[in-house]
Amino acid sequence: MKKRGHQPEQIIHKLREAGILLAKGETIGQACRKIGVTEQTYYRWRREFGGLTIDQAKRFREIERENSQLKKLVADLSLANAVLKEVAQSKL
């Protein structure tokens, strides 16, 4: 069974916690172990959520979800359009 990912609020909280640990002089490896993530995950989260607030992160996820739905709609419409063009050409 696949483990569910962290929520944006949890990610931002863990990034802030890691920032505090780093400010106290700990290494990135030590900070990552204390917050319970790998260094790779830490860097990916920092790149994606680095300067965001919790509200901004929630909105970001909503926009990503909406964008993926719109991309699917465009793909479906493009396919339907191509089929209609093919049918129209074959009738001529």
N, C-alpha and C. Protein backbone atom coordinates (compact mmCIF):
# COMPACT_ATOMS: atom_id res chain seq x y z
N MET A 1 0.84 -1.18 0.00
CA MET A 1 0.00 0.00 0.00
C MET A 1 0.89 1.24 0.00
N LYS A 2 0.56 2.19 -0.84
CA LYS A 2 1.36 3.40 -0.96
C LYS A 2 1.06 4.34 0.21
N LYS A 3 2.12 4.87 0.77
CA LYS A 3 1.96 5.82 1.87
C LYS A 3 1.56 7.18 1.30
N ARG A 4 0.61 7.81 1.94
CA ARG A 4 0.16 9.13 1.48
C ARG A 4 1.22 10.17 1.79
N GLY A 5 1.30 11.14 0.92
CA GLY A 5 2.28 12.21 1.08
C GLY A 5 1.88 13.20 2.16
N HIS A 6 2.76 14.10 2.44
CA HIS A 6 2.51 15.13 3.43
C HIS A 6 1.62 16.22 2.84
N GLN A 7 0.86 16.83 3.69
CA GLN A 7 0.03 17.96 3.30
C GLN A 7 0.91 19.21 3.22
N PRO A 8 0.53 20.20 2.42
CA PRO A 8 1.35 21.42 2.32
C PRO A 8 1.63 22.08 3.68
N GLU A 9 0.65 22.05 4.58
CA GLU A 9 0.85 22.66 5.89
C GLU A 9 1.95 21.93 6.65
N GLN A 10 1.95 20.59 6.56
CA GLN A 10 2.97 19.80 7.24
C GLN A 10 4.36 20.06 6.65
N ILE A 11 4.42 20.18 5.34
CA ILE A 11 5.69 20.43 4.67
C ILE A 11 6.27 21.76 5.11
N ILE A 12 5.45 22.80 5.10
CA ILE A 12 5.92 24.13 5.49
C ILE A 12 6.37 24.12 6.95
N HIS A 13 5.63 23.43 7.80
CA HIS A 13 6.00 23.32 9.21
C HIS A 13 7.36 22.64 9.36
N LYS A 14 7.57 21.54 8.62
CA LYS A 14 8.84 20.82 8.70
C LYS A 14 9.99 21.64 8.14
N LEU A 15 9.74 22.40 7.07
CA LEU A 15 10.78 23.27 6.52
C LEU A 15 11.18 24.36 7.52
N ARG A 16 10.20 24.91 8.22
CA ARG A 16 10.50 25.93 9.23
C ARG A 16 11.30 25.32 10.38
N GLU A 17 10.89 24.11 10.77
CA GLU A 17 11.60 23.41 11.84
C GLU A 17 13.05 23.15 11.43
N ALA A 18 13.25 22.71 10.19
CA ALA A 18 14.61 22.47 9.69
C ALA A 18 15.40 23.78 9.65
N GLY A 19 14.76 24.87 9.28
CA GLY A 19 15.42 26.17 9.25
C GLY A 19 15.91 26.58 10.63
N ILE A 20 15.10 26.30 11.64
CA ILE A 20 15.50 26.62 13.02
C ILE A 20 16.70 25.77 13.43
N LEU A 21 16.65 24.47 13.09
CA LEU A 21 17.76 23.59 13.43
C LEU A 21 19.04 24.01 12.72
N LEU A 22 18.92 24.41 11.46
CA LEU A 22 20.09 24.86 10.71
C LEU A 22 20.66 26.15 11.30
N ALA A 23 19.78 27.03 11.76
CA ALA A 23 20.23 28.28 12.37
C ALA A 23 20.98 28.03 13.68
N LYS A 24 20.64 26.92 14.35
CA LYS A 24 21.32 26.55 15.59
C LYS A 24 22.67 25.91 15.33
N GLY A 25 23.01 25.69 14.05
CA GLY A 25 24.33 25.18 13.73
C GLY A 25 24.38 23.71 13.34
N GLU A 26 23.23 23.06 13.23
CA GLU A 26 23.22 21.66 12.82
C GLU A 26 23.43 21.55 11.32
N THR A 27 23.90 20.40 10.89
CA THR A 27 24.08 20.18 9.45
C THR A 27 22.74 19.85 8.82
N ILE A 28 22.70 19.89 7.50
CA ILE A 28 21.46 19.57 6.80
C ILE A 28 21.07 18.12 7.06
N GLY A 29 22.05 17.24 7.07
CA GLY A 29 21.78 15.82 7.34
C GLY A 29 21.14 15.60 8.70
N GLN A 30 21.68 16.27 9.72
CA GLN A 30 21.13 16.14 11.07
C GLN A 30 19.71 16.71 11.14
N ALA A 31 19.52 17.86 10.53
CA ALA A 31 18.20 18.49 10.54
C ALA A 31 17.17 17.60 9.84
N CYS A 32 17.58 17.02 8.71
CA CYS A 32 16.66 16.16 7.97
C CYS A 32 16.28 14.93 8.78
N ARG A 33 17.23 14.35 9.48
CA ARG A 33 16.93 13.19 10.32
C ARG A 33 15.94 13.56 11.41
N LYS A 34 16.11 14.74 12.01
CA LYS A 34 15.22 15.16 13.10
C LYS A 34 13.80 15.44 12.62
N ILE A 35 13.66 15.95 11.39
CA ILE A 35 12.30 16.21 10.89
C ILE A 35 11.72 14.99 10.18
N GLY A 36 12.55 13.95 9.98
CA GLY A 36 12.04 12.68 9.46
C GLY A 36 11.93 12.59 7.96
N VAL A 37 12.80 13.27 7.22
CA VAL A 37 12.80 13.18 5.76
C VAL A 37 14.23 13.01 5.26
N THR A 38 14.35 12.59 4.01
CA THR A 38 15.67 12.47 3.41
C THR A 38 16.13 13.85 2.94
N GLU A 39 17.44 13.96 2.68
CA GLU A 39 17.96 15.22 2.19
C GLU A 39 17.36 15.57 0.83
N GLN A 40 17.17 14.56 0.00
CA GLN A 40 16.57 14.79 -1.33
C GLN A 40 15.18 15.37 -1.18
N THR A 41 14.39 14.81 -0.28
CA THR A 41 13.04 15.32 -0.04
C THR A 41 13.09 16.74 0.49
N TYR A 42 14.02 16.99 1.39
CA TYR A 42 14.16 18.34 1.95
C TYR A 42 14.43 19.37 0.84
N TYR A 43 15.37 19.05 -0.04
CA TYR A 43 15.71 19.98 -1.12
C TYR A 43 14.55 20.15 -2.10
N ARG A 44 13.84 19.07 -2.38
CA ARG A 44 12.69 19.16 -3.29
C ARG A 44 11.61 20.03 -2.66
N TRP A 45 11.32 19.81 -1.38
CA TRP A 45 10.33 20.62 -0.68
C TRP A 45 10.75 22.08 -0.64
N ARG A 46 12.03 22.32 -0.36
CA ARG A 46 12.51 23.69 -0.28
C ARG A 46 12.38 24.40 -1.61
N ARG A 47 12.65 23.66 -2.69
CA ARG A 47 12.52 24.25 -4.02
C ARG A 47 11.05 24.57 -4.32
N GLU A 48 10.15 23.68 -3.90
CA GLU A 48 8.74 23.85 -4.23
C GLU A 48 8.00 24.78 -3.26
N PHE A 49 8.29 24.66 -1.96
CA PHE A 49 7.54 25.40 -0.94
C PHE A 49 8.37 26.40 -0.17
N GLY A 50 9.61 26.64 -0.60
CA GLY A 50 10.56 27.45 0.16
C GLY A 50 10.03 28.71 0.80
N GLY A 51 9.50 29.63 0.04
CA GLY A 51 9.08 30.92 0.60
C GLY A 51 7.59 31.06 0.76
N LEU A 52 6.86 29.96 0.71
CA LEU A 52 5.40 30.05 0.75
C LEU A 52 4.85 30.02 2.17
N THR A 53 3.71 30.68 2.34
CA THR A 53 2.96 30.54 3.58
C THR A 53 2.00 29.37 3.39
N ILE A 54 1.35 28.99 4.45
CA ILE A 54 0.43 27.85 4.39
C ILE A 54 -0.72 28.13 3.41
N ASP A 55 -1.27 29.35 3.46
CA ASP A 55 -2.37 29.70 2.55
C ASP A 55 -1.93 29.67 1.09
N GLN A 56 -0.72 30.17 0.83
CA GLN A 56 -0.21 30.15 -0.53
C GLN A 56 0.00 28.73 -1.03
N ALA A 57 0.46 27.86 -0.16
CA ALA A 57 0.70 26.46 -0.54
C ALA A 57 -0.62 25.77 -0.87
N LYS A 58 -1.65 26.03 -0.08
CA LYS A 58 -2.97 25.43 -0.37
C LYS A 58 -3.48 25.91 -1.73
N ARG A 59 -3.37 27.20 -1.98
CA ARG A 59 -3.83 27.76 -3.24
C ARG A 59 -3.03 27.20 -4.41
N PHE A 60 -1.73 27.03 -4.22
CA PHE A 60 -0.85 26.46 -5.23
C PHE A 60 -1.31 25.06 -5.61
N ARG A 61 -1.64 24.25 -4.63
CA ARG A 61 -2.12 22.88 -4.90
C ARG A 61 -3.45 22.90 -5.63
N GLU A 62 -4.34 23.81 -5.23
CA GLU A 62 -5.63 23.92 -5.91
C GLU A 62 -5.45 24.30 -7.37
N ILE A 63 -4.56 25.23 -7.63
CA ILE A 63 -4.31 25.67 -9.01
C ILE A 63 -3.70 24.54 -9.82
N GLU A 64 -2.78 23.77 -9.23
CA GLU A 64 -2.19 22.63 -9.94
C GLU A 64 -3.27 21.61 -10.30
N ARG A 65 -4.18 21.33 -9.38
CA ARG A 65 -5.26 20.38 -9.62
C ARG A 65 -6.17 20.88 -10.75
N GLU A 66 -6.52 22.15 -10.70
CA GLU A 66 -7.36 22.75 -11.73
C GLU A 66 -6.66 22.73 -13.08
N ASN A 67 -5.37 23.01 -13.10
CA ASN A 67 -4.59 23.01 -14.33
C ASN A 67 -4.58 21.61 -14.96
N SER A 68 -4.43 20.59 -14.16
CA SER A 68 -4.42 19.23 -14.71
C SER A 68 -5.79 18.86 -15.29
N GLN A 69 -6.86 19.31 -14.64
CA GLN A 69 -8.20 19.05 -15.18
C GLN A 69 -8.38 19.77 -16.52
N LEU A 70 -7.92 20.99 -16.60
CA LEU A 70 -8.04 21.74 -17.85
C LEU A 70 -7.22 21.11 -18.98
N LYS A 71 -6.05 20.60 -18.65
CA LYS A 71 -5.23 19.93 -19.66
C LYS A 71 -5.95 18.69 -20.20
N LYS A 72 -6.61 17.94 -19.32
CA LYS A 72 -7.36 16.77 -19.77
C LYS A 72 -8.51 17.17 -20.69
N LEU A 73 -9.20 18.26 -20.33
CA LEU A 73 -10.30 18.74 -21.16
C LEU A 73 -9.81 19.15 -22.54
N VAL A 74 -8.69 19.86 -22.60
CA VAL A 74 -8.13 20.28 -23.88
C VAL A 74 -7.74 19.07 -24.72
N ALA A 75 -7.15 18.07 -24.09
CA ALA A 75 -6.77 16.86 -24.82
C ALA A 75 -8.00 16.15 -25.38
N ASP A 76 -9.06 16.05 -24.59
CA ASP A 76 -10.29 15.41 -25.06
C ASP A 76 -10.90 16.19 -26.22
N LEU A 77 -10.94 17.51 -26.10
CA LEU A 77 -11.51 18.32 -27.17
C LEU A 77 -10.67 18.25 -28.44
N SER A 78 -9.36 18.22 -28.29
CA SER A 78 -8.48 18.11 -29.46
C SER A 78 -8.70 16.79 -30.17
N LEU A 79 -8.85 15.72 -29.39
CA LEU A 79 -9.10 14.41 -29.97
C LEU A 79 -10.44 14.38 -30.70
N ALA A 80 -11.46 14.94 -30.07
CA ALA A 80 -12.78 14.99 -30.70
C ALA A 80 -12.73 15.80 -31.99
N ASN A 81 -12.01 16.92 -31.96
CA ASN A 81 -11.87 17.76 -33.14
C ASN A 81 -11.17 17.01 -34.27
N ALA A 82 -10.12 16.27 -33.94
CA ALA A 82 -9.38 15.51 -34.95
C ALA A 82 -10.26 14.43 -35.57
N VAL A 83 -11.06 13.77 -34.74
CA VAL A 83 -11.97 12.72 -35.25
C VAL A 83 -13.00 13.34 -36.18
N LEU A 84 -13.56 14.48 -35.80
CA LEU A 84 -14.56 15.14 -36.65
C LEU A 84 -13.96 15.57 -37.98
N LYS A 85 -12.73 16.08 -37.97
CA LYS A 85 -12.06 16.46 -39.22
C LYS A 85 -11.85 15.24 -40.12
N GLU A 86 -11.45 14.13 -39.50
CA GLU A 86 -11.21 12.90 -40.26
C GLU A 86 -12.50 12.39 -40.89
N VAL A 87 -13.58 12.43 -40.14
CA VAL A 87 -14.88 12.00 -40.65
C VAL A 87 -15.33 12.91 -41.77
N ALA A 88 -15.16 14.21 -41.62
CA ALA A 88 -15.56 15.17 -42.65
C ALA A 88 -14.75 14.96 -43.94
N GLN A 89 -13.47 14.68 -43.81
CA GLN A 89 -12.64 14.45 -44.98
C GLN A 89 -13.01 13.15 -45.69
N SER A 90 -13.38 12.14 -44.95
CA SER A 90 -13.70 10.86 -45.58
C SER A 90 -15.05 10.92 -46.31
N LYS A 91 -15.93 11.83 -45.92
CA LYS A 91 -17.22 11.96 -46.59
C LYS A 91 -17.11 12.75 -47.88
N LEU A 92 -16.03 13.48 -48.05
CA LEU A 92 -15.87 14.29 -49.27
C LEU A 92 -15.41 13.42 -50.35
